Amino acid sequence: MADQWLETLITATPQAGYELAITLSRRGVKYTQPDPEVLHKLRPEYANSADSLTAVSQVIAINFQTVAAANNYWRK
């Protein structure tokens, strides 16, 4: 198992929650493809693909939904 880095989904603001969602998404890719050489080799392919970029946005949005729910949508 990878190092334990995620202590909580609770964030102070929606902006911090969105940044956490991006981190979750990026770490998910790194976790599923741990070889940095392969990641860097594949980057030009997905960086120039509208479908890949749309899929990335969707993953971030799903992670943001999770973080927002954990934070009760930042309601006081």
N, C-alpha and C. Protein backbone atom coordinates (compact mmCIF):
# COMPACT_ATOMS: atom_id res chain seq x y z
N MET A 1 0.84 -1.19 0.00
CA MET A 1 0.00 0.00 0.00
C MET A 1 0.88 1.25 0.00
N ALA A 2 0.39 2.28 -0.62
CA ALA A 2 1.14 3.54 -0.73
C ALA A 2 1.22 4.25 0.62
N ASP A 3 2.06 5.26 0.68
CA ASP A 3 2.16 6.06 1.90
C ASP A 3 0.81 6.67 2.25
N GLN A 4 0.60 6.88 3.54
CA GLN A 4 -0.66 7.46 3.99
C GLN A 4 -0.52 8.98 4.00
N TRP A 5 -1.23 9.63 3.09
CA TRP A 5 -1.09 11.08 2.94
C TRP A 5 -2.41 11.81 3.15
N LEU A 6 -3.53 11.13 3.01
CA LEU A 6 -4.83 11.78 3.11
C LEU A 6 -5.38 11.61 4.52
N GLU A 7 -5.35 12.69 5.27
CA GLU A 7 -5.82 12.64 6.65
C GLU A 7 -7.31 12.94 6.76
N THR A 8 -7.83 13.77 5.86
CA THR A 8 -9.23 14.16 5.94
C THR A 8 -9.69 14.72 4.60
N LEU A 9 -10.99 14.68 4.38
CA LEU A 9 -11.58 15.34 3.22
C LEU A 9 -12.12 16.72 3.60
N ILE A 10 -12.02 17.07 4.86
CA ILE A 10 -12.54 18.35 5.34
C ILE A 10 -11.58 19.47 4.94
N THR A 11 -12.14 20.50 4.32
CA THR A 11 -11.35 21.67 3.92
C THR A 11 -12.05 22.94 4.40
N ALA A 12 -11.30 24.00 4.49
CA ALA A 12 -11.84 25.26 5.01
C ALA A 12 -12.75 25.97 4.02
N THR A 13 -12.47 25.80 2.73
CA THR A 13 -13.21 26.55 1.72
C THR A 13 -13.49 25.66 0.50
N PRO A 14 -14.45 26.06 -0.32
CA PRO A 14 -14.67 25.33 -1.57
C PRO A 14 -13.43 25.33 -2.47
N GLN A 15 -12.69 26.42 -2.49
CA GLN A 15 -11.46 26.47 -3.30
C GLN A 15 -10.47 25.41 -2.84
N ALA A 16 -10.27 25.31 -1.54
CA ALA A 16 -9.38 24.28 -1.00
C ALA A 16 -9.92 22.89 -1.31
N GLY A 17 -11.24 22.75 -1.30
CA GLY A 17 -11.85 21.47 -1.65
C GLY A 17 -11.62 21.11 -3.10
N TYR A 18 -11.69 22.09 -3.97
CA TYR A 18 -11.44 21.85 -5.40
C TYR A 18 -9.99 21.44 -5.62
N GLU A 19 -9.08 22.12 -4.92
CA GLU A 19 -7.67 21.77 -5.04
C GLU A 19 -7.41 20.36 -4.51
N LEU A 20 -8.11 19.97 -3.45
CA LEU A 20 -8.00 18.60 -2.95
C LEU A 20 -8.53 17.62 -3.99
N ALA A 21 -9.62 17.97 -4.66
CA ALA A 21 -10.17 17.10 -5.70
C ALA A 21 -9.15 16.89 -6.84
N ILE A 22 -8.45 17.93 -7.20
CA ILE A 22 -7.41 17.81 -8.23
C ILE A 22 -6.29 16.91 -7.73
N THR A 23 -5.89 17.09 -6.49
CA THR A 23 -4.84 16.24 -5.91
C THR A 23 -5.28 14.78 -5.89
N LEU A 24 -6.53 14.52 -5.50
CA LEU A 24 -7.04 13.15 -5.50
C LEU A 24 -6.97 12.56 -6.90
N SER A 25 -7.35 13.34 -7.89
CA SER A 25 -7.34 12.87 -9.27
C SER A 25 -5.93 12.57 -9.75
N ARG A 26 -5.02 13.46 -9.47
CA ARG A 26 -3.63 13.26 -9.91
C ARG A 26 -2.99 12.07 -9.22
N ARG A 27 -3.27 11.93 -7.93
CA ARG A 27 -2.69 10.81 -7.19
C ARG A 27 -3.30 9.49 -7.65
N GLY A 28 -4.55 9.53 -8.09
CA GLY A 28 -5.17 8.32 -8.62
C GLY A 28 -4.44 7.84 -9.87
N VAL A 29 -4.07 8.76 -10.73
CA VAL A 29 -3.31 8.39 -11.93
C VAL A 29 -1.95 7.84 -11.54
N LYS A 30 -1.28 8.53 -10.63
CA LYS A 30 0.04 8.11 -10.20
C LYS A 30 -0.02 6.73 -9.52
N TYR A 31 -1.08 6.48 -8.79
CA TYR A 31 -1.23 5.20 -8.09
C TYR A 31 -1.45 4.06 -9.08
N THR A 32 -2.24 4.33 -10.12
CA THR A 32 -2.52 3.27 -11.09
C THR A 32 -1.39 3.08 -12.10
N GLN A 33 -0.57 4.11 -12.30
CA GLN A 33 0.60 4.00 -13.18
C GLN A 33 1.80 4.57 -12.43
N PRO A 34 2.44 3.75 -11.59
CA PRO A 34 3.51 4.27 -10.73
C PRO A 34 4.83 4.54 -11.44
N ASP A 35 4.97 4.13 -12.68
CA ASP A 35 6.23 4.33 -13.40
C ASP A 35 6.27 5.75 -13.99
N PRO A 36 7.08 6.64 -13.43
CA PRO A 36 7.12 8.02 -13.92
C PRO A 36 7.55 8.12 -15.39
N GLU A 37 8.39 7.22 -15.83
CA GLU A 37 8.83 7.23 -17.23
C GLU A 37 7.65 6.99 -18.17
N VAL A 38 6.79 6.05 -17.82
CA VAL A 38 5.60 5.77 -18.64
C VAL A 38 4.66 6.96 -18.59
N LEU A 39 4.46 7.53 -17.41
CA LEU A 39 3.57 8.70 -17.28
C LEU A 39 4.04 9.84 -18.19
N HIS A 40 5.33 10.13 -18.15
CA HIS A 40 5.84 11.24 -18.97
C HIS A 40 5.77 10.91 -20.46
N LYS A 41 5.95 9.64 -20.80
CA LYS A 41 5.88 9.23 -22.20
C LYS A 41 4.45 9.38 -22.75
N LEU A 42 3.45 9.08 -21.91
CA LEU A 42 2.06 9.13 -22.36
C LEU A 42 1.46 10.54 -22.33
N ARG A 43 2.07 11.42 -21.56
CA ARG A 43 1.50 12.76 -21.37
C ARG A 43 1.18 13.49 -22.67
N PRO A 44 2.08 13.53 -23.68
CA PRO A 44 1.74 14.25 -24.91
C PRO A 44 0.48 13.71 -25.60
N GLU A 45 0.24 12.40 -25.47
CA GLU A 45 -0.95 11.82 -26.10
C GLU A 45 -2.23 12.34 -25.47
N TYR A 46 -2.32 12.29 -24.13
CA TYR A 46 -3.56 12.72 -23.51
C TYR A 46 -3.64 14.23 -23.36
N ALA A 47 -2.52 14.92 -23.33
CA ALA A 47 -2.54 16.38 -23.20
C ALA A 47 -3.09 17.06 -24.44
N ASN A 48 -3.07 16.36 -25.57
CA ASN A 48 -3.57 16.93 -26.81
C ASN A 48 -4.85 16.27 -27.30
N SER A 49 -5.52 15.55 -26.42
CA SER A 49 -6.74 14.84 -26.77
C SER A 49 -7.93 15.47 -26.07
N ALA A 50 -8.85 16.00 -26.84
CA ALA A 50 -10.05 16.61 -26.25
C ALA A 50 -10.82 15.59 -25.40
N ASP A 51 -10.91 14.36 -25.86
CA ASP A 51 -11.62 13.33 -25.09
C ASP A 51 -10.93 13.06 -23.76
N SER A 52 -9.62 12.97 -23.78
CA SER A 52 -8.87 12.72 -22.55
C SER A 52 -9.02 13.89 -21.57
N LEU A 53 -8.94 15.10 -22.08
CA LEU A 53 -9.07 16.27 -21.21
C LEU A 53 -10.48 16.37 -20.63
N THR A 54 -11.48 16.00 -21.42
CA THR A 54 -12.85 15.98 -20.91
C THR A 54 -12.99 14.92 -19.82
N ALA A 55 -12.38 13.76 -20.02
CA ALA A 55 -12.43 12.69 -19.02
C ALA A 55 -11.75 13.13 -17.72
N VAL A 56 -10.63 13.83 -17.84
CA VAL A 56 -9.93 14.34 -16.66
C VAL A 56 -10.84 15.30 -15.90
N SER A 57 -11.49 16.18 -16.61
CA SER A 57 -12.41 17.13 -15.97
C SER A 57 -13.53 16.41 -15.25
N GLN A 58 -14.01 15.34 -15.83
CA GLN A 58 -15.08 14.56 -15.21
C GLN A 58 -14.60 13.90 -13.92
N VAL A 59 -13.41 13.35 -13.92
CA VAL A 59 -12.86 12.72 -12.71
C VAL A 59 -12.69 13.76 -11.61
N ILE A 60 -12.18 14.94 -11.96
CA ILE A 60 -12.03 16.01 -10.97
C ILE A 60 -13.40 16.40 -10.42
N ALA A 61 -14.40 16.52 -11.28
CA ALA A 61 -15.74 16.90 -10.84
C ALA A 61 -16.31 15.86 -9.88
N ILE A 62 -16.12 14.59 -10.16
CA ILE A 62 -16.61 13.53 -9.27
C ILE A 62 -15.90 13.61 -7.92
N ASN A 63 -14.59 13.82 -7.95
CA ASN A 63 -13.86 13.95 -6.69
C ASN A 63 -14.32 15.20 -5.93
N PHE A 64 -14.61 16.28 -6.64
CA PHE A 64 -15.09 17.49 -5.97
C PHE A 64 -16.46 17.25 -5.34
N GLN A 65 -17.32 16.50 -6.00
CA GLN A 65 -18.61 16.15 -5.40
C GLN A 65 -18.41 15.42 -4.08
N THR A 66 -17.47 14.50 -4.04
CA THR A 66 -17.19 13.75 -2.83
C THR A 66 -16.69 14.66 -1.72
N VAL A 67 -15.75 15.53 -2.04
CA VAL A 67 -15.20 16.45 -1.05
C VAL A 67 -16.28 17.42 -0.58
N ALA A 68 -17.09 17.94 -1.49
CA ALA A 68 -18.16 18.87 -1.11
C ALA A 68 -19.15 18.20 -0.17
N ALA A 69 -19.53 16.97 -0.46
CA ALA A 69 -20.46 16.25 0.41
C ALA A 69 -19.84 16.04 1.80
N ALA A 70 -18.56 15.70 1.84
CA ALA A 70 -17.88 15.50 3.12
C ALA A 70 -17.85 16.78 3.95
N ASN A 71 -17.89 17.91 3.27
CA ASN A 71 -17.85 19.22 3.94
C ASN A 71 -19.23 19.84 4.10
N ASN A 72 -20.28 19.04 3.89
CA ASN A 72 -21.65 19.53 3.96
C ASN A 72 -21.83 20.77 3.09
N TYR A 73 -21.15 20.75 1.96
CA TYR A 73 -21.21 21.83 0.96
C TYR A 73 -20.85 23.19 1.56
N TRP A 74 -20.00 23.18 2.57
CA TRP A 74 -19.48 24.36 3.24
C TRP A 74 -20.58 25.24 3.84
N ARG A 75 -21.68 24.61 4.19
CA ARG A 75 -22.74 25.34 4.92
C ARG A 75 -22.33 25.46 6.37
N LYS A 76 -22.66 26.55 6.95
CA LYS A 76 -22.32 26.78 8.37
C LYS A 76 -23.44 26.35 9.27
